[in-house]
PDB file of N, CA and C in Angstrom:
ATOM      1  N   MET A   1      18.271 106.929-100.076  1.00  0.00           N
ATOM      2  CA  MET A   1      17.216 106.586-101.009  1.00  0.00           C
ATOM      3  C   MET A   1      16.213 107.748-101.056  1.00  0.00           C
ATOM      4  N   PRO A   2      15.876 108.246-102.255  1.00  0.00           N
ATOM      5  CA  PRO A   2      14.931 109.370-102.354  1.00  0.00           C
ATOM      6  C   PRO A   2      13.508 108.944-102.008  1.00  0.00           C
ATOM      7  N   ASP A   3      12.763 109.884-101.488  1.00  0.00           N
ATOM      8  CA  ASP A   3      11.359 109.649-101.153  1.00  0.00           C
ATOM      9  C   ASP A   3      10.549 109.540-102.438  1.00  0.00           C
ATOM     10  N   THR A   4       9.902 108.403-102.655  1.00  0.00           N
ATOM     11  CA  THR A   4       9.134 108.187-103.891  1.00  0.00           C
ATOM     12  C   THR A   4       7.651 108.469-103.721  1.00  0.00           C
ATOM     13  N   GLU A   5       7.253 108.868-102.525  1.00  0.00           N
ATOM     14  CA  GLU A   5       5.850 109.207-102.287  1.00  0.00           C
ATOM     15  C   GLU A   5       5.513 110.525-102.978  1.00  0.00           C
ATOM     16  N   LEU A   6       4.441 110.531-103.755  1.00  0.00           N
ATOM     17  CA  LEU A   6       3.986 111.749-104.418  1.00  0.00           C
ATOM     18  C   LEU A   6       2.735 112.264-103.720  1.00  0.00           C
ATOM     19  N   SER A   7       2.608 113.555-103.667  1.00  0.00           N
ATOM     20  CA  SER A   7       1.381 114.127-103.106  1.00  0.00           C
ATOM     21  C   SER A   7       0.231 113.879-104.088  1.00  0.00           C
ATOM     22  N   GLU A   8      -0.970 114.011-103.588  1.00  0.00           N
ATOM     23  CA  GLU A   8      -2.150 113.845-104.446  1.00  0.00           C
ATOM     24  C   GLU A   8      -2.131 114.845-105.592  1.00  0.00           C
ATOM     25  N   ALA A   9      -1.740 116.080-105.307  1.00  0.00           N
ATOM     26  CA  ALA A   9      -1.685 117.117-106.349  1.00  0.00           C
ATOM     27  C   ALA A   9      -0.678 116.744-107.433  1.00  0.00           C
ATOM     28  N   GLU A  10       0.472 116.227-107.042  1.00  0.00           N
ATOM     29  CA  GLU A  10       1.488 115.838-108.023  1.00  0.00           C
ATOM     30  C   GLU A  10       1.031 114.643-108.865  1.00  0.00           C
ATOM     31  N   ARG A  11       0.353 113.682-108.231  1.00  0.00           N
ATOM     32  CA  ARG A  11      -0.173 112.536-109.001  1.00  0.00           C
ATOM     33  C   ARG A  11      -1.203 112.993-110.023  1.00  0.00           C
ATOM     34  N   ARG A  12      -2.086 113.909-109.606  1.00  0.00           N
ATOM     35  CA  ARG A  12      -3.108 114.402-110.530  1.00  0.00           C
ATOM     36  C   ARG A  12      -2.460 115.194-111.669  1.00  0.00           C
ATOM     37  N   THR A  13      -1.449 115.994-111.344  1.00  0.00           N
ATOM     38  CA  THR A  13      -0.731 116.759-112.366  1.00  0.00           C
ATOM     39  C   THR A  13      -0.114 115.819-113.392  1.00  0.00           C
ATOM     40  N   ARG A  14       0.562 114.798-112.919  1.00  0.00           N
ATOM     41  CA  ARG A  14       1.194 113.840-113.830  1.00  0.00           C
ATOM     42  C   ARG A  14       0.162 113.080-114.655  1.00  0.00           C
ATOM     43  N   ALA A  15      -0.969 112.752-114.031  1.00  0.00           N
ATOM     44  CA  ALA A  15      -2.013 112.035-114.759  1.00  0.00           C
ATOM     45  C   ALA A  15      -2.585 112.893-115.890  1.00  0.00           C
ATOM     46  N   VAL A  16      -2.852 114.163-115.612  1.00  0.00           N
ATOM     47  CA  VAL A  16      -3.394 115.061-116.644  1.00  0.00           C
ATOM     48  C   VAL A  16      -2.401 115.192-117.793  1.00  0.00           C
ATOM     49  N   ARG A  17      -1.141 115.359-117.469  1.00  0.00           N
ATOM     50  CA  ARG A  17      -0.124 115.506-118.515  1.00  0.00           C
ATOM     51  C   ARG A  17       0.030 114.231-119.338  1.00  0.00           C
ATOM     52  N   THR A  18      -0.053 113.076-118.702  1.00  0.00           N
ATOM     53  CA  THR A  18       0.050 111.808-119.418  1.00  0.00           C
ATOM     54  C   THR A  18      -1.136 111.621-120.352  1.00  0.00           C
ATOM     55  N   VAL A  19      -2.326 111.898-119.852  1.00  0.00           N
ATOM     56  CA  VAL A  19      -3.533 111.774-120.682  1.00  0.00           C
ATOM     57  C   VAL A  19      -3.461 112.759-121.844  1.00  0.00           C
ATOM     58  N   ALA A  20      -3.012 113.980-121.585  1.00  0.00           N
ATOM     59  CA  ALA A  20      -2.906 114.983-122.648  1.00  0.00           C
ATOM     60  C   ALA A  20      -1.937 114.527-123.737  1.00  0.00           C
ATOM     61  N   ALA A  21      -0.866 113.875-123.344  1.00  0.00           N
ATOM     62  CA  ALA A  21       0.114 113.405-124.325  1.00  0.00           C
ATOM     63  C   ALA A  21      -0.444 112.274-125.189  1.00  0.00           C
ATOM     64  N   CYS A  22      -1.407 111.535-124.665  1.00  0.00           N
ATOM     65  CA  CYS A  22      -1.969 110.385-125.394  1.00  0.00           C
ATOM     66  C   CYS A  22      -3.258 110.714-126.143  1.00  0.00           C
ATOM     67  N   ALA A  23      -3.893 111.837-125.821  1.00  0.00           N
ATOM     68  CA  ALA A  23      -5.174 112.190-126.448  1.00  0.00           C
ATOM     69  C   ALA A  23      -4.966 112.550-127.916  1.00  0.00           C
ATOM     70  N   HIS A  24      -5.956 112.211-128.736  1.00  0.00           N
ATOM     71  CA  HIS A  24      -5.894 112.495-130.171  1.00  0.00           C
ATOM     72  C   HIS A  24      -6.213 113.951-130.483  1.00  0.00           C
ATOM     73  N   ASP A  25      -7.131 114.534-129.714  1.00  0.00           N
ATOM     74  CA  ASP A  25      -7.524 115.924-129.922  1.00  0.00           C
ATOM     75  C   ASP A  25      -8.157 116.449-128.637  1.00  0.00           C
ATOM     76  N   ALA A  26      -8.621 117.688-128.671  1.00  0.00           N
ATOM     77  CA  ALA A  26      -9.170 118.321-127.469  1.00  0.00           C
ATOM     78  C   ALA A  26     -10.413 117.602-126.957  1.00  0.00           C
ATOM     79  N   ASP A  27     -11.290 117.160-127.869  1.00  0.00           N
ATOM     80  CA  ASP A  27     -12.489 116.431-127.430  1.00  0.00           C
ATOM     81  C   ASP A  27     -12.110 115.119-126.762  1.00  0.00           C
ATOM     82  N   ASP A  28     -11.150 114.410-127.347  1.00  0.00           N
ATOM     83  CA  ASP A  28     -10.678 113.161-126.767  1.00  0.00           C
ATOM     84  C   ASP A  28     -10.115 113.417-125.371  1.00  0.00           C
ATOM     85  N   LEU A  29      -9.321 114.456-125.235  1.00  0.00           N
ATOM     86  CA  LEU A  29      -8.746 114.814-123.934  1.00  0.00           C
ATOM     87  C   LEU A  29      -9.841 115.108-122.927  1.00  0.00           C
ATOM     88  N   ARG A  30     -10.814 115.907-123.317  1.00  0.00           N
ATOM     89  CA  ARG A  30     -11.918 116.276-122.417  1.00  0.00           C
ATOM     90  C   ARG A  30     -12.660 115.030-121.932  1.00  0.00           C
ATOM     91  N   HIS A  31     -12.953 114.106-122.853  1.00  0.00           N
ATOM     92  CA  HIS A  31     -13.673 112.879-122.485  1.00  0.00           C
ATOM     93  C   HIS A  31     -12.832 111.997-121.556  1.00  0.00           C
ATOM     94  N   LEU A  32     -11.563 111.840-121.879  1.00  0.00           N
ATOM     95  CA  LEU A  32     -10.695 111.011-121.042  1.00  0.00           C
ATOM     96  C   LEU A  32     -10.554 111.587-119.639  1.00  0.00           C
ATOM     97  N   LEU A  33     -10.350 112.888-119.546  1.00  0.00           N
ATOM     98  CA  LEU A  33     -10.231 113.509-118.221  1.00  0.00           C
ATOM     99  C   LEU A  33     -11.522 113.362-117.428  1.00  0.00           C
ATOM    100  N   ASP A  34     -12.665 113.532-118.091  1.00  0.00           N
ATOM    101  CA  ASP A  34     -13.951 113.361-117.414  1.00  0.00           C
ATOM    102  C   ASP A  34     -14.104 111.937-116.883  1.00  0.00           C
ATOM    103  N   MET A  35     -13.726 110.948-117.703  1.00  0.00           N
ATOM    104  CA  MET A  35     -13.843 109.550-117.289  1.00  0.00           C
ATOM    105  C   MET A  35     -12.964 109.246-116.077  1.00  0.00           C
ATOM    106  N   LEU A  36     -11.829 109.913-115.990  1.00  0.00           N
ATOM    107  CA  LEU A  36     -10.887 109.666-114.897  1.00  0.00           C
ATOM    108  C   LEU A  36     -11.125 110.564-113.688  1.00  0.00           C
ATOM    109  N   GLY A  37     -12.079 111.468-113.806  1.00  0.00           N
ATOM    110  CA  GLY A  37     -12.363 112.373-112.691  1.00  0.00           C
ATOM    111  C   GLY A  37     -11.287 113.425-112.501  1.00  0.00           C
ATOM    112  N   LEU A  38     -10.625 113.785-113.600  1.00  0.00           N
ATOM    113  CA  LEU A  38      -9.565 114.792-113.552  1.00  0.00           C
ATOM    114  C   LEU A  38     -10.055 116.080-114.189  1.00  0.00           C
ATOM    115  N   ASP A  39      -9.409 117.169-113.839  1.00  0.00           N
ATOM    116  CA  ASP A  39      -9.722 118.469-114.397  1.00  0.00           C
ATOM    117  C   ASP A  39      -8.468 119.014-115.063  1.00  0.00           C
ATOM    118  N   PRO A  40      -8.605 119.676-116.206  1.00  0.00           N
ATOM    119  CA  PRO A  40      -7.412 120.222-116.862  1.00  0.00           C
ATOM    120  C   PRO A  40      -6.599 121.149-115.963  1.00  0.00           C
ATOM    121  N   THR A  41      -7.257 121.823-115.037  1.00  0.00           N
ATOM    122  CA  THR A  41      -6.533 122.747-114.162  1.00  0.00           C
ATOM    123  C   THR A  41      -5.679 122.008-113.132  1.00  0.00           C
ATOM    124  N   ASP A  42      -5.843 120.690-113.006  1.00  0.00           N
ATOM    125  CA  ASP A  42      -4.998 119.923-112.093  1.00  0.00           C
ATOM    126  C   ASP A  42      -3.532 119.986-112.516  1.00  0.00           C
ATOM    127  N   ALA A  43      -3.268 120.290-113.783  1.00  0.00           N
ATOM    128  CA  ALA A  43      -1.893 120.370-114.270  1.00  0.00           C
ATOM    129  C   ALA A  43      -1.248 121.721-113.974  1.00  0.00           C
ATOM    130  N   LEU A  44      -2.026 122.672-113.515  1.00  0.00           N
ATOM    131  CA  LEU A  44      -1.481 123.996-113.192  1.00  0.00           C
ATOM    132  C   LEU A  44      -0.818 123.984-111.817  1.00  0.00           C
ATOM    133  N   PRO A  45       0.167 124.843-111.613  1.00  0.00           N
ATOM    134  CA  PRO A  45       0.718 124.974-110.264  1.00  0.00           C
ATOM    135  C   PRO A  45      -0.388 125.408-109.301  1.00  0.00           C
ATOM    136  N   PRO A  46      -0.331 124.976-108.044  1.00  0.00           N
ATOM    137  CA  PRO A  46      -1.413 125.275-107.092  1.00  0.00           C
ATOM    138  C   PRO A  46      -1.791 126.753-107.011  1.00  0.00           C
ATOM    139  N   GLU A  47      -0.820 127.649-107.108  1.00  0.00           N
ATOM    140  CA  GLU A  47      -1.152 129.076-106.991  1.00  0.00           C
ATOM    141  C   GLU A  47      -1.904 129.608-108.205  1.00  0.00           C
ATOM    142  N   GLN A  48      -1.912 128.876-109.318  1.00  0.00           N
ATOM    143  CA  GLN A  48      -2.621 129.315-110.520  1.00  0.00           C
ATOM    144  C   GLN A  48      -3.972 128.626-110.703  1.00  0.00           C
ATOM    145  N   ARG A  49      -4.281 127.651-109.864  1.00  0.00           N
ATOM    146  CA  ARG A  49      -5.555 126.927-109.990  1.00  0.00           C
ATOM    147  C   ARG A  49      -6.700 127.804-109.514  1.00  0.00           C
ATOM    148  N   PRO A  50      -7.829 127.761-110.234  1.00  0.00           N
ATOM    149  CA  PRO A  50      -8.981 128.544-109.785  1.00  0.00           C
ATOM    150  C   PRO A  50      -9.549 127.971-108.489  1.00  0.00           C
ATOM    151  N   ALA A  51     -10.086 128.838-107.682  1.00  0.00           N
ATOM    152  CA  ALA A  51     -10.703 128.398-106.425  1.00  0.00           C
ATOM    153  C   ALA A  51     -11.991 127.640-106.733  1.00  0.00           C
ATOM    154  N   PRO A  52     -12.245 126.544-106.022  1.00  0.00           N
ATOM    155  CA  PRO A  52     -13.490 125.806-106.263  1.00  0.00           C
ATOM    156  C   PRO A  52     -14.706 126.642-105.881  1.00  0.00           C
ATOM    157  N   VAL A  53     -15.762 126.474-106.635  1.00  0.00           N
ATOM    158  CA  VAL A  53     -17.008 127.198-106.383  1.00  0.00           C
ATOM    159  C   VAL A  53     -17.956 126.252-105.656  1.00  0.00           C
ATOM    160  N   PRO A  54     -18.352 126.586-104.430  1.00  0.00           N
ATOM    161  CA  PRO A  54     -19.247 125.688-103.698  1.00  0.00           C
ATOM    162  C   PRO A  54     -20.632 125.642-104.337  1.00  0.00           C
ATOM    163  N   ALA A  55     -21.195 124.464-104.357  1.00  0.00           N
ATOM    164  CA  ALA A  55     -22.547 124.286-104.901  1.00  0.00           C
ATOM    165  C   ALA A  55     -23.560 124.810-103.886  1.00  0.00           C
ATOM    166  N   PRO A  56     -24.629 125.447-104.375  1.00  0.00           N
ATOM    167  CA  PRO A  56     -25.654 125.932-103.439  1.00  0.00           C
ATOM    168  C   PRO A  56     -26.379 124.762-102.783  1.00  0.00           C
ATOM    169  N   ARG A  57     -26.753 124.941-101.530  1.00  0.00           N
ATOM    170  CA  ARG A  57     -27.488 123.907-100.795  1.00  0.00           C
ATOM    171  C   ARG A  57     -28.931 123.852-101.280  1.00  0.00           C
ATOM    172  N   ARG A  58     -29.428 122.656-101.428  1.00  0.00           N
ATOM    173  CA  ARG A  58     -30.814 122.454-101.843  1.00  0.00           C
ATOM    174  C   ARG A  58     -31.492 121.498-100.859  1.00  0.00           C
ATOM    175  N   ALA A  59     -32.794 121.625-100.770  1.00  0.00           N
ATOM    176  CA  ALA A  59     -33.549 120.706 -99.937  1.00  0.00           C
ATOM    177  C   ALA A  59     -33.443 119.303-100.545  1.00  0.00           C
ATOM    178  N   LYS A  60     -33.420 118.308 -99.689  1.00  0.00           N
ATOM    179  CA  LYS A  60     -33.307 116.928-100.155  1.00  0.00           C
ATOM    180  C   LYS A  60     -34.452 116.599-101.120  1.00  0.00           C
ATOM    181  N   GLY A  61     -34.092 116.030-102.255  1.00  0.00           N
ATOM    182  CA  GLY A  61     -35.091 115.639-103.243  1.00  0.00           C
ATOM    183  C   GLY A  61     -35.475 116.731-104.223  1.00  0.00           C
ATOM    184  N   GLN A  62     -34.953 117.936-104.020  1.00  0.00           N
ATOM    185  CA  GLN A  62     -35.273 119.038-104.923  1.00  0.00           C
ATOM    186  C   GLN A  62     -34.274 119.028-106.064  1.00  0.00           C
ATOM    187  N   GLY A  63     -34.765 119.027-107.286  1.00  0.00           N
ATOM    188  CA  GLY A  63     -33.903 118.995-108.456  1.00  0.00           C
ATOM    189  C   GLY A  63     -33.339 120.362-108.799  1.00  0.00           C
ATOM    190  N   LEU A  64     -32.425 120.355-109.749  1.00  0.00           N
ATOM    191  CA  LEU A  64     -31.807 121.578-110.228  1.00  0.00           C
ATOM    192  C   LEU A  64     -32.660 122.148-111.362  1.00  0.00           C
ATOM    193  N   PRO A  65     -33.069 123.403-111.276  1.00  0.00           N
ATOM    194  CA  PRO A  65     -33.857 123.996-112.356  1.00  0.00           C
ATOM    195  C   PRO A  65     -33.060 123.985-113.669  1.00  0.00           C
ATOM    196  N   ILE A  66     -33.727 123.794-114.780  1.00  0.00           N
ATOM    197  CA  ILE A  66     -33.077 123.687-116.083  1.00  0.00           C
ATOM    198  C   ILE A  66     -32.262 124.931-116.420  1.00  0.00           C
ATOM    199  N   VAL A  67     -32.710 126.086-115.979  1.00  0.00           N
ATOM    200  CA  VAL A  67     -31.967 127.329-116.240  1.00  0.00           C
ATOM    201  C   VAL A  67     -30.608 127.271-115.547  1.00  0.00           C
ATOM    202  N   GLU A  68     -30.585 126.817-114.294  1.00  0.00           N
ATOM    203  CA  GLU A  68     -29.323 126.716-113.562  1.00  0.00           C
ATOM    204  C   GLU A  68     -28.431 125.634-114.169  1.00  0.00           C
ATOM    205  N   LEU A  69     -29.016 124.507-114.553  1.00  0.00           N
ATOM    206  CA  LEU A  69     -28.246 123.435-115.170  1.00  0.00           C
ATOM    207  C   LEU A  69     -27.600 123.908-116.468  1.00  0.00           C
ATOM    208  N   THR A  70     -28.341 124.610-117.281  1.00  0.00           N
ATOM    209  CA  THR A  70     -27.818 125.144-118.542  1.00  0.00           C
ATOM    210  C   THR A  70     -26.672 126.116-118.274  1.00  0.00           C
ATOM    211  N   ALA A  71     -26.838 126.977-117.282  1.00  0.00           N
ATOM    212  CA  ALA A  71     -25.782 127.935-116.951  1.00  0.00           C
ATOM    213  C   ALA A  71     -24.521 127.224-116.465  1.00  0.00           C
ATOM    214  N   LEU A  72     -24.678 126.189-115.644  1.00  0.00           N
ATOM    215  CA  LEU A  72     -23.527 125.441-115.145  1.00  0.00           C
ATOM    216  C   LEU A  72     -22.787 124.720-116.269  1.00  0.00           C
ATOM    217  N   VAL A  73     -23.547 124.076-117.158  1.00  0.00           N
ATOM    218  CA  VAL A  73     -22.921 123.358-118.265  1.00  0.00           C
ATOM    219  C   VAL A  73     -22.230 124.331-119.207  1.00  0.00           C
ATOM    220  N   THR A  74     -22.865 125.440-119.502  1.00  0.00           N
ATOM    221  CA  THR A  74     -22.264 126.443-120.386  1.00  0.00           C
ATOM    222  C   THR A  74     -20.982 126.988-119.771  1.00  0.00           C
ATOM    223  N   ALA A  75     -20.982 127.265-118.483  1.00  0.00           N
ATOM    224  CA  ALA A  75     -19.786 127.762-117.813  1.00  0.00           C
ATOM    225  C   ALA A  75     -18.672 126.734-117.819  1.00  0.00           C
ATOM    226  N   ALA A  76     -19.024 125.471-117.595  1.00  0.00           N
ATOM    227  CA  ALA A  76     -18.004 124.402-117.594  1.00  0.00           C
ATOM    228  C   ALA A  76     -17.384 124.236-118.979  1.00  0.00           C
ATOM    229  N   VAL A  77     -18.195 124.292-120.013  1.00  0.00           N
ATOM    230  CA  VAL A  77     -17.682 124.141-121.364  1.00  0.00           C
ATOM    231  C   VAL A  77     -16.802 125.319-121.736  1.00  0.00           C
ATOM    232  N   SER A  78     -17.220 126.527-121.399  1.00  0.00           N
ATOM    233  CA  SER A  78     -16.420 127.701-121.758  1.00  0.00           C
ATOM    234  C   SER A  78     -15.131 127.754-120.952  1.00  0.00           C
ATOM    235  N   ASP A  79     -15.136 127.266-119.705  1.00  0.00           N
ATOM    236  CA  ASP A  79     -13.919 127.225-118.893  1.00  0.00           C
ATOM    237  C   ASP A  79     -12.899 126.247-119.463  1.00  0.00           C
ATOM    238  N   ARG A  80     -13.362 125.168-120.028  1.00  0.00           N
ATOM    239  CA  ARG A  80     -12.466 124.146-120.563  1.00  0.00           C
ATOM    240  C   ARG A  80     -12.060 124.427-121.996  1.00  0.00           C
ATOM    241  N   GLY A  81     -12.836 125.279-122.662  1.00  0.00           N
ATOM    242  CA  GLY A  81     -12.692 125.596-124.068  1.00  0.00           C
ATOM    243  C   GLY A  81     -11.349 125.953-124.479  1.00  0.00           C
TER     244      GLY A  81
END
């Protein structure tokens, strides 16, 4: 009997591909992946996935400056674009 256990990476890969096949357009895909906590790069082979960028440490209760927030959102949108 074959092993039916999938690794977390394989489950995420299959989930991204399934959602992509059902999405109506790129915006729909982006929203669905966000809702499911998936990233489009989850469908890439592990050696092609970008390395995660660690978030800078902040003092408890200190918010993110609007300039940094804008830069993060702009980078995320252009990466997914």
